[in-house]
Amino acid sequence: MSFRNSSAPSQHPLIGVDVGGTTLKFGLVSPDCQILHQFAIPTEAERGADAVLARIAEGINRLIDEQNGLIAAVGLGVPGVINQRGEISYPPNFPGWGVVPVAERLRPLLKQPLPIAVENDANVAAFAEAQAPGATDRDFLFITLGTGVGGCIISNGSIWRGATGGAGEIGHLSVVMNGHLCNCGARGCVEAYLGQRYMTALAAAQLPRFPESLLHAMLAEGNALEPKLINAAAEAGDRFAADFLEEMGEILGAALASALNLLDLHLVIVGGGIAQAERHLLEPARRSLRARLIQSISHDIQLRPARFQNNAGIIGAAMLATTAGAA
């Protein structure tokens, strides 16, 4: 599916919504992809589909009010497979969803009728990278590290969706035989190691064996144990934190090597907050990746952080809303 050279339906701003397992991020975005205003609210995914859709509508309606109704369209990036009818199918971090027609269910909750485009969240973030001003990369694998681990294949500048819209789900590529149980029901998935909740649980289980770790003092100060705190400890010289992130990087690199060997892609773009852990996560991932590549593609492989980082979902969703797919 290609969105290149599409234009906004008007010069009014767009709304981009990044639907995460723990946080809903809303942005008011100009037609030239500048974020004018943004905010976030808890997803409350454990309350089910109706509650989450109500929360999404709440945020969109807030922006509609702030703009006096002058909104061109709404784009949503949501976790899970999106089929050609715009239905999300069994998102792994949203219990009880099943198959949900997001736009159809959301539309009557809004204060005014608006075009709504819905796409997988990783696809949306990758779309932002592919369509950004000055972007020249036409073929790459995008991976986002957040509550879950999402992925998207960009081929010739377009999202490659596969037969039913589920292509690129690298988070559910198996890297450890009979490994940790993932929310999708399988074992050993990339997400079961590098998804934020899983990574945090793994670190918490190991931390008591390392009483010298700086993380103990950081936690005593009221900080939450999460990947960015682990990286902060590693940057401060904490051996446990550095070794832990290196292990996660090695797992990431092994998964990426399998994907690149299969797809003959030479570029990986990594999004999500933990992608900022260049020294302790991405560099070990590069070493692990290169050690596992077939020789024919190993000479020019690149792995780099996404340019938009945590705003990729908002910007990509808004860009998506300018397309004919919004309906």
Protein backbone atom coordinates (compact mmCIF):
# COMPACT_ATOMS: atom_id res chain seq x y z
CA MET A 1 0.00 0.00 0.00
CA SER A 2 1.61 3.29 -1.08
CA PHE A 3 0.79 6.71 0.29
CA ARG A 4 3.45 8.77 -1.48
CA ASN A 5 2.38 12.04 -3.10
CA SER A 6 -0.96 12.09 -1.28
CA SER A 7 -2.23 15.46 -0.13
CA ALA A 8 -4.22 16.63 2.86
CA PRO A 9 -7.96 17.09 2.36
CA SER A 10 -7.60 20.68 3.67
CA GLN A 11 -5.13 23.00 5.33
CA HIS A 12 -6.70 22.36 8.72
CA PRO A 13 -4.54 20.43 11.16
CA LEU A 14 -4.74 16.67 11.52
CA ILE A 15 -5.04 14.50 14.60
CA GLY A 16 -2.59 11.65 15.06
CA VAL A 17 -3.17 9.04 17.76
CA ASP A 18 -0.54 6.54 18.87
CA VAL A 19 -2.39 3.74 20.66
CA GLY A 20 -0.01 1.95 23.02
CA GLY A 21 -0.60 -0.82 25.51
CA THR A 22 -0.09 1.53 28.46
CA THR A 23 -0.38 5.05 27.01
CA LEU A 24 -2.49 6.85 24.41
CA LYS A 25 -0.56 9.68 22.75
CA PHE A 26 -2.47 12.41 20.92
CA GLY A 27 -1.04 15.06 18.63
CA LEU A 28 -2.34 18.00 16.65
CA VAL A 29 -0.23 17.95 13.49
CA SER A 30 0.10 20.54 10.74
CA PRO A 31 -0.23 19.45 7.08
CA ASP A 32 3.59 19.73 6.79
CA CYS A 33 3.97 17.22 9.66
CA GLN A 34 4.90 19.55 12.51
CA ILE A 35 3.45 18.67 15.92
CA LEU A 36 1.56 21.73 17.15
CA HIS A 37 0.37 20.26 20.45
CA GLN A 38 0.46 16.86 22.11
CA PHE A 39 -0.55 15.10 25.30
CA ALA A 40 -0.93 11.58 26.66
CA ILE A 41 -3.40 9.70 28.87
CA PRO A 42 -3.38 6.14 30.24
CA THR A 43 -4.79 3.50 27.89
CA GLU A 44 -6.48 1.38 30.60
CA ALA A 45 -6.30 -1.61 28.26
CA GLU A 46 -7.35 -3.99 31.03
CA ARG A 47 -10.87 -2.47 30.95
CA GLY A 48 -11.58 -3.83 27.47
CA ALA A 49 -12.29 -2.46 23.99
CA ASP A 50 -15.23 -0.21 24.86
CA ALA A 51 -13.25 1.58 27.57
CA VAL A 52 -10.18 2.07 25.38
CA LEU A 53 -12.25 3.39 22.48
CA ALA A 54 -13.95 5.79 24.86
CA ARG A 55 -10.53 7.00 26.03
CA ILE A 56 -9.42 7.50 22.42
CA ALA A 57 -12.58 9.47 21.67
CA GLU A 58 -12.01 11.56 24.80
CA GLY A 59 -8.59 12.64 23.55
CA ILE A 60 -9.76 13.32 20.00
CA ASN A 61 -12.75 15.33 21.24
CA ARG A 62 -10.44 17.41 23.42
CA LEU A 63 -8.45 18.41 20.33
CA ILE A 64 -11.64 19.03 18.34
CA ASP A 65 -12.77 21.45 21.06
CA GLU A 66 -9.40 23.17 21.21
CA GLN A 67 -9.52 23.73 17.44
CA ASN A 68 -13.18 24.76 17.37
CA GLY A 69 -13.89 21.81 15.11
CA LEU A 70 -11.34 22.82 12.46
CA ILE A 71 -9.83 19.36 11.99
CA ALA A 72 -9.14 17.77 8.60
CA ALA A 73 -8.96 14.08 9.56
CA VAL A 74 -7.87 11.58 12.20
CA GLY A 75 -5.26 8.84 11.89
CA LEU A 76 -4.70 6.07 14.41
CA GLY A 77 -1.77 3.73 14.83
CA VAL A 78 -2.95 0.68 16.76
CA PRO A 79 -1.17 -2.52 17.83
CA GLY A 80 -2.19 -5.74 16.09
CA VAL A 81 -3.02 -6.85 12.57
CA ILE A 82 -5.29 -4.54 10.57
CA ASN A 83 -7.18 -6.19 7.71
CA GLN A 84 -8.43 -4.53 4.52
CA ARG A 85 -11.73 -3.69 6.26
CA GLY A 86 -9.93 -1.67 8.93
CA GLU A 87 -10.56 -4.23 11.67
CA ILE A 88 -7.94 -4.95 14.31
CA SER A 89 -7.50 -8.66 15.03
CA TYR A 90 -6.57 -9.97 18.49
CA PRO A 91 -4.01 -7.35 19.59
CA PRO A 92 -1.74 -9.23 22.03
CA ASN A 93 -1.54 -6.52 24.71
CA PHE A 94 -5.26 -5.70 24.66
CA PRO A 95 -7.14 -8.45 26.48
CA GLY A 96 -10.56 -9.45 25.20
CA TRP A 97 -10.51 -7.45 21.96
CA GLY A 98 -10.96 -10.19 19.40
CA VAL A 99 -11.79 -8.57 16.03
CA VAL A 100 -12.77 -4.91 16.44
CA PRO A 101 -13.79 -2.48 13.63
CA VAL A 102 -11.99 0.48 15.21
CA ALA A 103 -13.12 3.32 12.92
CA GLU A 104 -16.72 2.08 12.86
CA ARG A 105 -16.87 1.86 16.65
CA LEU A 106 -15.06 5.16 17.17
CA ARG A 107 -16.99 7.32 14.74
CA PRO A 108 -20.23 7.74 16.79
CA LEU A 109 -18.19 8.70 19.85
CA LEU A 110 -16.72 11.79 18.19
CA LYS A 111 -18.22 15.26 18.48
CA GLN A 112 -18.20 15.74 14.71
CA PRO A 113 -17.88 13.48 11.66
CA LEU A 114 -14.29 13.14 10.51
CA PRO A 115 -12.42 10.88 8.09
CA ILE A 116 -10.65 8.19 10.15
CA ALA A 117 -7.70 6.11 8.95
CA VAL A 118 -6.52 3.12 10.98
CA GLU A 119 -3.22 1.25 10.55
CA ASN A 120 -0.91 -0.97 12.56
CA ASP A 121 1.20 1.14 14.91
CA ALA A 122 4.56 -0.09 13.64
CA ASN A 123 3.42 0.47 10.04
CA VAL A 124 2.45 4.02 10.96
CA ALA A 125 5.84 4.74 12.55
CA ALA A 126 7.66 3.21 9.57
CA PHE A 127 5.49 5.27 7.23
CA ALA A 128 6.66 8.42 8.99
CA GLU A 129 10.30 7.39 8.42
CA ALA A 130 9.71 6.55 4.75
CA GLN A 131 7.71 9.68 3.90
CA ALA A 132 9.61 12.27 5.97
CA PRO A 133 10.97 15.32 4.14
CA GLY A 134 14.30 14.37 2.58
CA ALA A 135 13.86 10.63 3.17
CA THR A 136 15.72 8.54 0.58
CA ASP A 137 15.52 5.01 2.02
CA ARG A 138 13.05 2.99 -0.06
CA ASP A 139 13.59 -0.50 1.38
CA PHE A 140 14.05 -1.24 5.06
CA LEU A 141 12.83 -3.13 8.10
CA PHE A 142 11.37 -0.98 10.85
CA ILE A 143 11.14 -2.29 14.40
CA THR A 144 9.62 -0.48 17.35
CA LEU A 145 10.46 -1.34 20.95
CA GLY A 146 7.68 -0.37 23.32
CA THR A 147 5.08 -2.17 25.43
CA GLY A 148 5.24 -4.73 22.64
CA VAL A 149 7.67 -5.20 19.76
CA GLY A 150 6.25 -4.25 16.40
CA GLY A 151 7.67 -4.28 12.92
CA CYS A 152 7.04 -3.14 9.37
CA ILE A 153 8.59 -3.95 6.01
CA ILE A 154 8.98 -0.95 3.69
CA SER A 155 9.44 -2.06 0.09
CA ASN A 156 10.00 0.52 -2.64
CA GLY A 157 8.70 3.23 -0.31
CA SER A 158 5.44 1.40 0.47
CA ILE A 159 4.19 -0.68 3.39
CA TRP A 160 4.33 -4.35 2.47
CA ARG A 161 1.30 -5.82 4.21
CA GLY A 162 1.32 -9.47 3.19
CA ALA A 163 -1.75 -11.54 2.35
CA THR A 164 -3.94 -10.38 5.26
CA GLY A 165 -2.18 -7.27 6.56
CA GLY A 166 0.04 -8.97 9.15
CA ALA A 167 3.46 -8.81 7.49
CA GLY A 168 6.39 -7.49 9.51
CA GLU A 169 5.43 -8.84 12.94
CA ILE A 170 9.03 -9.38 13.98
CA GLY A 171 8.01 -9.21 17.64
CA HIS A 172 6.55 -12.69 17.26
CA LEU A 173 9.52 -14.22 15.50
CA SER A 174 10.81 -17.01 17.75
CA VAL A 175 14.38 -16.58 19.02
CA VAL A 176 14.50 -19.03 21.94
CA MET A 177 13.21 -22.58 21.63
CA ASN A 178 10.74 -23.17 24.48
CA GLY A 179 11.58 -19.72 25.82
CA HIS A 180 9.48 -17.31 27.85
CA LEU A 181 5.72 -17.30 27.24
CA CYS A 182 4.51 -14.37 25.16
CA ASN A 183 1.08 -12.72 25.35
CA CYS A 184 0.39 -14.07 21.85
CA GLY A 185 0.44 -17.60 23.30
CA ALA A 186 3.73 -18.73 21.75
CA ARG A 187 7.07 -19.20 23.49
CA GLY A 188 10.41 -17.57 22.83
CA CYS A 189 9.12 -14.55 20.87
CA VAL A 190 11.29 -11.47 20.52
CA GLU A 191 8.59 -9.54 22.38
CA ALA A 192 8.83 -11.88 25.37
CA TYR A 193 12.36 -10.53 25.92
CA LEU A 194 12.38 -7.01 24.49
CA GLY A 195 8.83 -5.81 25.14
CA GLN A 196 8.94 -3.26 27.97
CA ARG A 197 6.93 -5.32 30.46
CA TYR A 198 8.88 -8.48 29.75
CA MET A 199 12.25 -6.75 29.86
CA THR A 200 11.35 -5.13 33.16
CA ALA A 201 10.19 -8.46 34.63
CA LEU A 202 13.40 -10.17 33.53
CA ALA A 203 15.53 -7.43 35.09
CA ALA A 204 13.50 -7.49 38.30
CA ALA A 205 13.97 -11.25 38.62
CA GLN A 206 17.74 -10.97 38.23
CA LEU A 207 18.37 -7.78 40.19
CA PRO A 208 18.32 -9.31 43.73
CA ARG A 209 21.43 -11.31 42.81
CA PHE A 210 23.35 -8.06 42.25
CA PRO A 211 23.17 -6.03 45.49
CA GLU A 212 25.92 -3.70 44.23
CA SER A 213 23.77 -2.48 41.31
CA LEU A 214 23.03 1.24 41.18
CA LEU A 215 19.45 0.34 40.36
CA HIS A 216 18.70 -0.41 44.02
CA ALA A 217 19.42 3.20 44.99
CA MET A 218 17.56 4.51 41.96
CA LEU A 219 14.50 2.49 42.87
CA ALA A 220 14.72 3.64 46.50
CA GLU A 221 14.42 7.22 45.17
CA GLY A 222 11.00 6.36 43.76
CA ASN A 223 11.96 5.61 40.16
CA ALA A 224 10.11 2.85 38.31
CA LEU A 225 12.14 -0.09 37.01
CA GLU A 226 11.86 0.27 33.25
CA PRO A 227 14.24 0.04 30.29
CA LYS A 228 15.23 3.72 30.31
CA LEU A 229 16.20 3.48 33.99
CA ILE A 230 18.26 0.36 33.27
CA ASN A 231 20.02 2.27 30.50
CA ALA A 232 20.65 5.23 32.82
CA ALA A 233 22.28 2.87 35.31
CA ALA A 234 24.37 1.31 32.55
CA GLU A 235 25.52 4.76 31.41
CA ALA A 236 26.52 5.48 35.02
CA GLY A 237 28.77 2.40 35.05
CA ASP A 238 26.46 -0.25 36.50
CA ARG A 239 27.84 -3.62 35.39
CA PHE A 240 24.59 -5.52 35.90
CA ALA A 241 22.58 -3.02 33.85
CA ALA A 242 25.17 -2.97 31.07
CA ASP A 243 25.39 -6.76 30.90
CA PHE A 244 21.60 -7.09 30.96
CA LEU A 245 21.12 -4.68 28.06
CA GLU A 246 23.91 -6.34 26.11
CA GLU A 247 22.11 -9.67 26.42
CA MET A 248 18.90 -8.04 25.18
CA GLY A 249 20.86 -6.52 22.30
CA GLU A 250 22.25 -9.90 21.33
CA ILE A 251 18.72 -11.33 21.20
CA LEU A 252 17.57 -8.38 19.10
CA GLY A 253 20.49 -8.81 16.69
CA ALA A 254 19.78 -12.52 16.25
CA ALA A 255 16.14 -11.78 15.38
CA LEU A 256 17.10 -9.03 12.94
CA ALA A 257 19.63 -11.28 11.22
CA SER A 258 16.96 -13.91 10.58
CA ALA A 259 14.66 -11.25 9.12
CA LEU A 260 17.30 -9.64 6.90
CA ASN A 261 18.59 -12.97 5.65
CA LEU A 262 15.05 -13.88 4.67
CA LEU A 263 14.05 -10.55 3.10
CA ASP A 264 17.33 -9.36 1.56
CA LEU A 265 17.04 -5.98 3.29
CA HIS A 266 20.11 -3.96 4.24
CA LEU A 267 18.73 -1.35 6.62
CA VAL A 268 17.02 -1.63 10.01
CA ILE A 269 15.47 1.42 11.66
CA VAL A 270 14.71 1.05 15.37
CA GLY A 271 12.07 3.17 17.08
CA GLY A 272 10.79 3.45 20.63
CA GLY A 273 12.33 5.00 23.73
CA ILE A 274 14.82 2.22 24.41
CA ALA A 275 16.25 2.73 20.91
CA GLN A 276 18.19 5.61 22.50
CA ALA A 277 20.35 3.02 24.29
CA GLU A 278 22.93 3.22 21.52
CA ARG A 279 25.98 2.05 23.46
CA HIS A 280 24.47 -0.68 25.58
CA LEU A 281 21.66 -2.08 23.37
CA LEU A 282 22.07 -1.13 19.73
CA GLU A 283 25.83 -1.67 19.46
CA PRO A 284 25.58 -5.23 20.89
CA ALA A 285 22.64 -5.75 18.50
CA ARG A 286 24.84 -4.70 15.56
CA ARG A 287 27.57 -7.14 16.57
CA SER A 288 25.06 -9.96 17.01
CA LEU A 289 23.37 -9.08 13.71
CA ARG A 290 26.56 -9.00 11.67
CA ALA A 291 27.79 -12.28 13.14
CA ARG A 292 24.67 -14.04 11.82
CA LEU A 293 24.23 -12.55 8.35
CA ILE A 294 24.82 -14.46 5.17
CA GLN A 295 27.93 -13.21 3.39
CA SER A 296 26.12 -11.78 0.38
CA ILE A 297 24.45 -9.00 2.43
CA SER A 298 26.82 -8.63 5.39
CA HIS A 299 29.03 -5.92 3.86
CA ASP A 300 26.60 -2.97 3.88
CA ILE A 301 24.08 -3.61 6.66
CA GLN A 302 22.99 -0.58 8.69
CA LEU A 303 21.08 -0.38 11.97
CA ARG A 304 20.13 3.09 13.17
CA PRO A 305 17.63 4.77 15.50
CA ALA A 306 14.46 6.27 14.04
CA ARG A 307 14.60 9.99 13.38
CA PHE A 308 11.20 10.70 14.94
CA GLN A 309 11.64 8.48 18.01
CA ASN A 310 8.63 8.70 20.35
CA ASN A 311 6.75 11.06 18.02
CA ALA A 312 6.82 8.67 15.05
CA GLY A 313 3.43 7.16 15.88
CA ILE A 314 1.70 10.53 16.11
CA ILE A 315 3.32 11.96 12.98
CA GLY A 316 2.86 8.79 10.93
CA ALA A 317 -0.79 8.48 11.95
CA ALA A 318 -1.44 12.08 10.96
CA MET A 319 0.34 11.56 7.63
CA LEU A 320 -1.78 8.46 7.10
CA ALA A 321 -4.90 10.57 7.69
CA THR A 322 -4.08 12.63 4.60
CA THR A 323 -4.53 9.60 2.36
CA ALA A 324 -7.50 8.20 0.54
CA GLY A 325 -7.52 5.44 3.17
CA ALA A 326 -9.21 7.78 5.63
CA ALA A 327 -12.93 7.13 5.40
